Amino acid sequence: MVTAASADSVGQITVTGEGRVSAAPDMAVITIGASAEDKTAKVAMDKTSQVTGAILENLTQFDIAPRDVQTSDLSLRPVWDNRASGTDQPRIRAYSASNRVTVRIRNLDDLGAVLDAVLTDGANQLGGLSFTLSDPEPVLNDARIRAVADARARAELFAQAAGVELGALVSLSETGARTPRPEMFSMARASDAGVPVAQGETEIRAGVTLVYEIATP
């Protein structure tokens, strides 16, 4: 936030501005994994571990660096029998295990093949898919510049409509930056042969608030 001291001014104009910049993404982030259910906790976890191990092994053929693969969820929970009634105590019917990893794919040409390969390995969990930029800062800075220009133009318009002169900038604050959110990617969509995926463009937004003095004659 940038601020400047305000002298005894007769009024102020406060405006907001937004800047949007679209760019072709150069990286995808996916969350994949396996879940299994069994009467014993160990077998349930062993089943998911076996599939996850095969997934991790298969990822090496795509030259995905170890730093781009991270376990994002490892869980084991009881599955209760819902048929318990009256004086019967709830009982554990089985155990459900889940193991998921988040993968950054820097070569987008491999994305469809990666998805196809992990599904072949037995992955039955496919969470968020998002396209992003490996270095978003230059694009974000461009969006910030556009946001300031948008706010400045709005302030000038309001001043002209009100019949006043725009004075000095009192403060400038960033109200937030938005990058793409992960898209929920269902197993049904992923079941298509070759898993075709369209990357399109990714949009980054920046917002600012400007406060101007109203110039006195």
Protein backbone atom coordinates (compact mmCIF):
# COMPACT_ATOMS: atom_id res chain seq x y z
CA MET A 1 0.00 0.00 0.00
CA VAL A 2 1.24 3.47 -0.92
CA THR A 3 -0.04 6.44 1.06
CA ALA A 4 0.50 10.19 1.00
CA ALA A 5 -0.43 12.78 3.59
CA SER A 6 -3.54 14.82 2.80
CA ALA A 7 -3.66 18.52 3.47
CA ASP A 8 -6.87 20.30 4.53
CA SER A 9 -8.85 19.33 1.46
CA VAL A 10 -12.50 20.08 0.88
CA GLY A 11 -13.26 16.56 -0.30
CA GLN A 12 -12.02 13.37 -1.84
CA ILE A 13 -12.91 11.00 -4.64
CA THR A 14 -12.48 7.29 -3.98
CA VAL A 15 -12.51 4.87 -6.91
CA THR A 16 -11.73 1.23 -7.59
CA GLY A 17 -10.20 -0.24 -10.70
CA GLU A 18 -9.64 -3.70 -12.11
CA GLY A 19 -7.11 -4.99 -14.58
CA ARG A 20 -7.40 -8.27 -16.45
CA VAL A 21 -4.71 -9.95 -18.52
CA SER A 22 -5.08 -13.23 -20.40
CA ALA A 23 -2.10 -15.38 -21.27
CA ALA A 24 -1.47 -18.87 -22.57
CA PRO A 25 -0.71 -21.14 -19.60
CA ASP A 26 2.54 -23.06 -19.51
CA MET A 27 1.83 -25.41 -16.59
CA ALA A 28 -1.00 -27.61 -15.33
CA VAL A 29 -1.65 -28.77 -11.76
CA ILE A 30 -3.67 -31.94 -11.15
CA THR A 31 -4.60 -33.94 -8.07
CA ILE A 32 -4.82 -37.69 -8.60
CA GLY A 33 -4.91 -40.72 -6.37
CA ALA A 34 -6.60 -43.88 -5.26
CA SER A 35 -9.12 -44.93 -2.66
CA ALA A 36 -10.04 -48.40 -1.48
CA GLU A 37 -12.27 -50.06 1.09
CA ASP A 38 -11.66 -53.28 2.99
CA LYS A 39 -12.66 -54.99 6.21
CA THR A 40 -9.19 -54.39 7.64
CA ALA A 41 -7.40 -51.06 7.79
CA LYS A 42 -4.07 -52.49 6.62
CA VAL A 43 -5.46 -54.10 3.49
CA ALA A 44 -7.35 -50.93 2.57
CA MET A 45 -4.19 -48.86 2.94
CA ASP A 46 -2.09 -51.45 1.11
CA LYS A 47 -4.46 -51.33 -1.86
CA THR A 48 -4.21 -47.56 -2.17
CA SER A 49 -0.45 -47.64 -1.63
CA GLN A 50 -0.03 -50.16 -4.42
CA VAL A 51 -1.94 -48.04 -6.91
CA THR A 52 -0.25 -44.81 -5.77
CA GLY A 53 3.15 -46.45 -6.11
CA ALA A 54 2.34 -47.45 -9.69
CA ILE A 55 1.18 -43.91 -10.43
CA LEU A 56 4.39 -42.40 -9.07
CA GLU A 57 6.49 -44.88 -11.01
CA ASN A 58 4.64 -44.13 -14.22
CA LEU A 59 5.11 -40.38 -13.80
CA THR A 60 8.88 -40.81 -14.19
CA GLN A 61 8.49 -41.66 -17.88
CA PHE A 62 7.23 -38.12 -18.46
CA ASP A 63 10.32 -36.49 -16.95
CA ILE A 64 8.32 -34.95 -14.10
CA ALA A 65 10.79 -33.78 -11.46
CA PRO A 66 10.39 -35.06 -7.87
CA ARG A 67 9.88 -31.47 -6.68
CA ASP A 68 6.72 -31.33 -8.82
CA VAL A 69 5.08 -34.31 -7.10
CA GLN A 70 3.78 -34.00 -3.54
CA THR A 71 1.45 -36.05 -1.35
CA SER A 72 -1.56 -33.84 -0.69
CA ASP A 73 -3.81 -36.20 1.25
CA LEU A 74 -3.36 -39.49 3.09
CA SER A 75 -6.33 -40.66 5.09
CA LEU A 76 -7.79 -43.74 6.74
CA ARG A 77 -11.24 -43.73 8.29
CA PRO A 78 -13.78 -46.27 9.53
CA VAL A 79 -16.95 -46.97 7.60
CA TRP A 80 -19.79 -47.36 10.08
CA ASP A 81 -22.74 -49.73 9.66
CA ASN A 82 -25.84 -47.57 9.36
CA ARG A 83 -28.16 -50.44 10.09
CA ALA A 84 -27.57 -50.26 13.85
CA SER A 85 -30.82 -49.49 15.69
CA GLY A 86 -32.41 -49.67 19.12
CA THR A 87 -29.91 -50.74 21.72
CA ASP A 88 -27.38 -51.96 19.16
CA GLN A 89 -24.05 -50.18 19.27
CA PRO A 90 -22.71 -48.73 16.01
CA ARG A 91 -20.09 -50.98 14.52
CA ILE A 92 -17.33 -50.56 12.00
CA ARG A 93 -18.25 -52.30 8.76
CA ALA A 94 -14.98 -51.57 6.91
CA TYR A 95 -12.14 -49.11 6.51
CA SER A 96 -11.71 -46.58 3.72
CA ALA A 97 -8.22 -45.46 2.74
CA SER A 98 -7.25 -42.65 0.40
CA ASN A 99 -3.92 -41.51 -0.98
CA ARG A 100 -3.70 -38.49 -3.28
CA VAL A 101 -0.80 -36.63 -4.85
CA THR A 102 -0.63 -33.22 -6.50
CA VAL A 103 1.42 -33.04 -9.68
CA ARG A 104 2.73 -30.03 -11.59
CA ILE A 105 3.02 -30.76 -15.30
CA ARG A 106 5.31 -28.29 -17.01
CA ASN A 107 5.08 -29.84 -20.48
CA LEU A 108 1.44 -29.39 -21.40
CA ASP A 109 1.82 -31.62 -24.45
CA ASP A 110 2.10 -34.53 -21.99
CA LEU A 111 -1.04 -33.71 -19.99
CA GLY A 112 -3.48 -35.97 -21.85
CA ALA A 113 -1.01 -38.86 -21.84
CA VAL A 114 -0.32 -38.43 -18.12
CA LEU A 115 -4.02 -38.57 -17.28
CA ASP A 116 -4.50 -41.61 -19.49
CA ALA A 117 -1.52 -43.37 -17.91
CA VAL A 118 -2.55 -42.83 -14.28
CA LEU A 119 -6.09 -44.02 -15.02
CA THR A 120 -4.62 -47.14 -16.56
CA ASP A 121 -2.58 -47.63 -13.39
CA GLY A 122 -5.80 -47.72 -11.37
CA ALA A 123 -6.26 -44.13 -10.19
CA ASN A 124 -9.89 -43.64 -9.20
CA GLN A 125 -9.65 -40.14 -7.76
CA LEU A 126 -9.13 -37.13 -9.97
CA GLY A 127 -9.65 -33.81 -8.24
CA GLY A 128 -8.81 -30.31 -9.35
CA LEU A 129 -7.26 -29.49 -12.69
CA SER A 130 -5.97 -25.97 -13.20
CA PHE A 131 -3.92 -24.30 -15.88
CA THR A 132 -1.54 -21.66 -14.64
CA LEU A 133 1.71 -19.84 -15.26
CA SER A 134 4.99 -21.02 -13.83
CA ASP A 135 5.99 -17.35 -13.36
CA PRO A 136 2.79 -15.26 -13.04
CA GLU A 137 4.47 -12.12 -11.68
CA PRO A 138 5.08 -10.33 -15.04
CA VAL A 139 1.47 -10.92 -16.10
CA LEU A 140 0.20 -9.90 -12.65
CA ASN A 141 2.20 -6.67 -12.83
CA ASP A 142 0.63 -5.91 -16.21
CA ALA A 143 -2.81 -6.46 -14.64
CA ARG A 144 -1.87 -4.09 -11.79
CA ILE A 145 -0.87 -1.38 -14.27
CA ARG A 146 -4.18 -1.77 -16.06
CA ALA A 147 -6.07 -1.64 -12.76
CA VAL A 148 -4.45 1.67 -11.82
CA ALA A 149 -5.18 3.10 -15.28
CA ASP A 150 -8.80 1.93 -14.98
CA ALA A 151 -9.20 3.58 -11.58
CA ARG A 152 -7.54 6.80 -12.75
CA ALA A 153 -9.86 7.03 -15.78
CA ARG A 154 -12.86 6.50 -13.54
CA ALA A 155 -11.72 9.21 -11.14
CA GLU A 156 -11.29 11.66 -14.01
CA LEU A 157 -14.75 10.80 -15.31
CA PHE A 158 -16.36 11.35 -11.90
CA ALA A 159 -14.54 14.63 -11.41
CA GLN A 160 -15.67 15.88 -14.82
CA ALA A 161 -19.26 14.80 -14.17
CA ALA A 162 -19.23 16.56 -10.79
CA GLY A 163 -17.72 19.71 -12.23
CA VAL A 164 -14.59 19.59 -10.08
CA GLU A 165 -10.87 19.25 -10.69
CA LEU A 166 -9.02 16.10 -9.73
CA GLY A 167 -6.28 16.83 -7.21
CA ALA A 168 -3.32 14.90 -5.87
CA LEU A 169 -3.35 11.16 -5.24
CA VAL A 170 -3.85 10.60 -1.51
CA SER A 171 -3.54 6.80 -1.34
CA LEU A 172 -3.27 3.72 -3.48
CA SER A 173 -4.01 0.24 -2.16
CA GLU A 174 -4.20 -3.14 -3.81
CA THR A 175 -7.49 -4.89 -3.10
CA GLY A 176 -6.43 -8.30 -4.27
CA ALA A 177 -5.16 -10.41 -7.12
CA ARG A 178 -6.99 -13.42 -8.52
CA THR A 179 -5.42 -16.33 -10.30
CA PRO A 180 -7.29 -19.25 -11.91
CA ARG A 181 -9.14 -21.64 -9.61
CA PRO A 182 -8.81 -25.39 -10.07
CA GLU A 183 -11.52 -26.87 -12.27
CA MET A 184 -13.30 -29.96 -10.97
CA PHE A 185 -12.43 -32.68 -13.46
CA SER A 186 -14.77 -35.68 -13.18
CA MET A 187 -13.83 -39.30 -13.75
CA ALA A 188 -16.47 -39.46 -16.50
CA ARG A 189 -14.73 -36.73 -18.48
CA ALA A 190 -11.36 -38.37 -17.91
CA SER A 191 -12.54 -41.71 -19.25
CA ASP A 192 -12.42 -40.57 -22.87
CA ALA A 193 -9.67 -42.16 -24.94
CA GLY A 194 -6.48 -40.18 -24.68
CA VAL A 195 -8.16 -37.77 -22.26
CA PRO A 196 -8.34 -34.74 -24.59
CA VAL A 197 -7.95 -31.49 -22.67
CA ALA A 198 -8.20 -27.94 -24.00
CA GLN A 199 -5.98 -25.50 -22.13
CA GLY A 200 -7.28 -22.25 -23.63
CA GLU A 201 -6.08 -19.11 -21.88
CA THR A 202 -5.71 -18.28 -18.23
CA GLU A 203 -6.80 -14.93 -16.82
CA ILE A 204 -5.17 -13.01 -13.98
CA ARG A 205 -6.93 -10.09 -12.32
CA ALA A 206 -5.74 -7.31 -10.07
CA GLY A 207 -7.74 -4.71 -8.18
CA VAL A 208 -6.81 -1.34 -6.69
CA THR A 209 -8.44 1.49 -4.75
CA LEU A 210 -7.33 5.06 -5.36
CA VAL A 211 -8.19 8.09 -3.28
CA TYR A 212 -7.77 11.56 -4.83
CA GLU A 213 -8.13 15.01 -3.37
CA ILE A 214 -10.64 17.35 -4.97
CA ALA A 215 -8.56 20.32 -6.06
CA THR A 216 -9.52 23.69 -4.62
CA PRO A 217 -9.54 26.77 -6.90
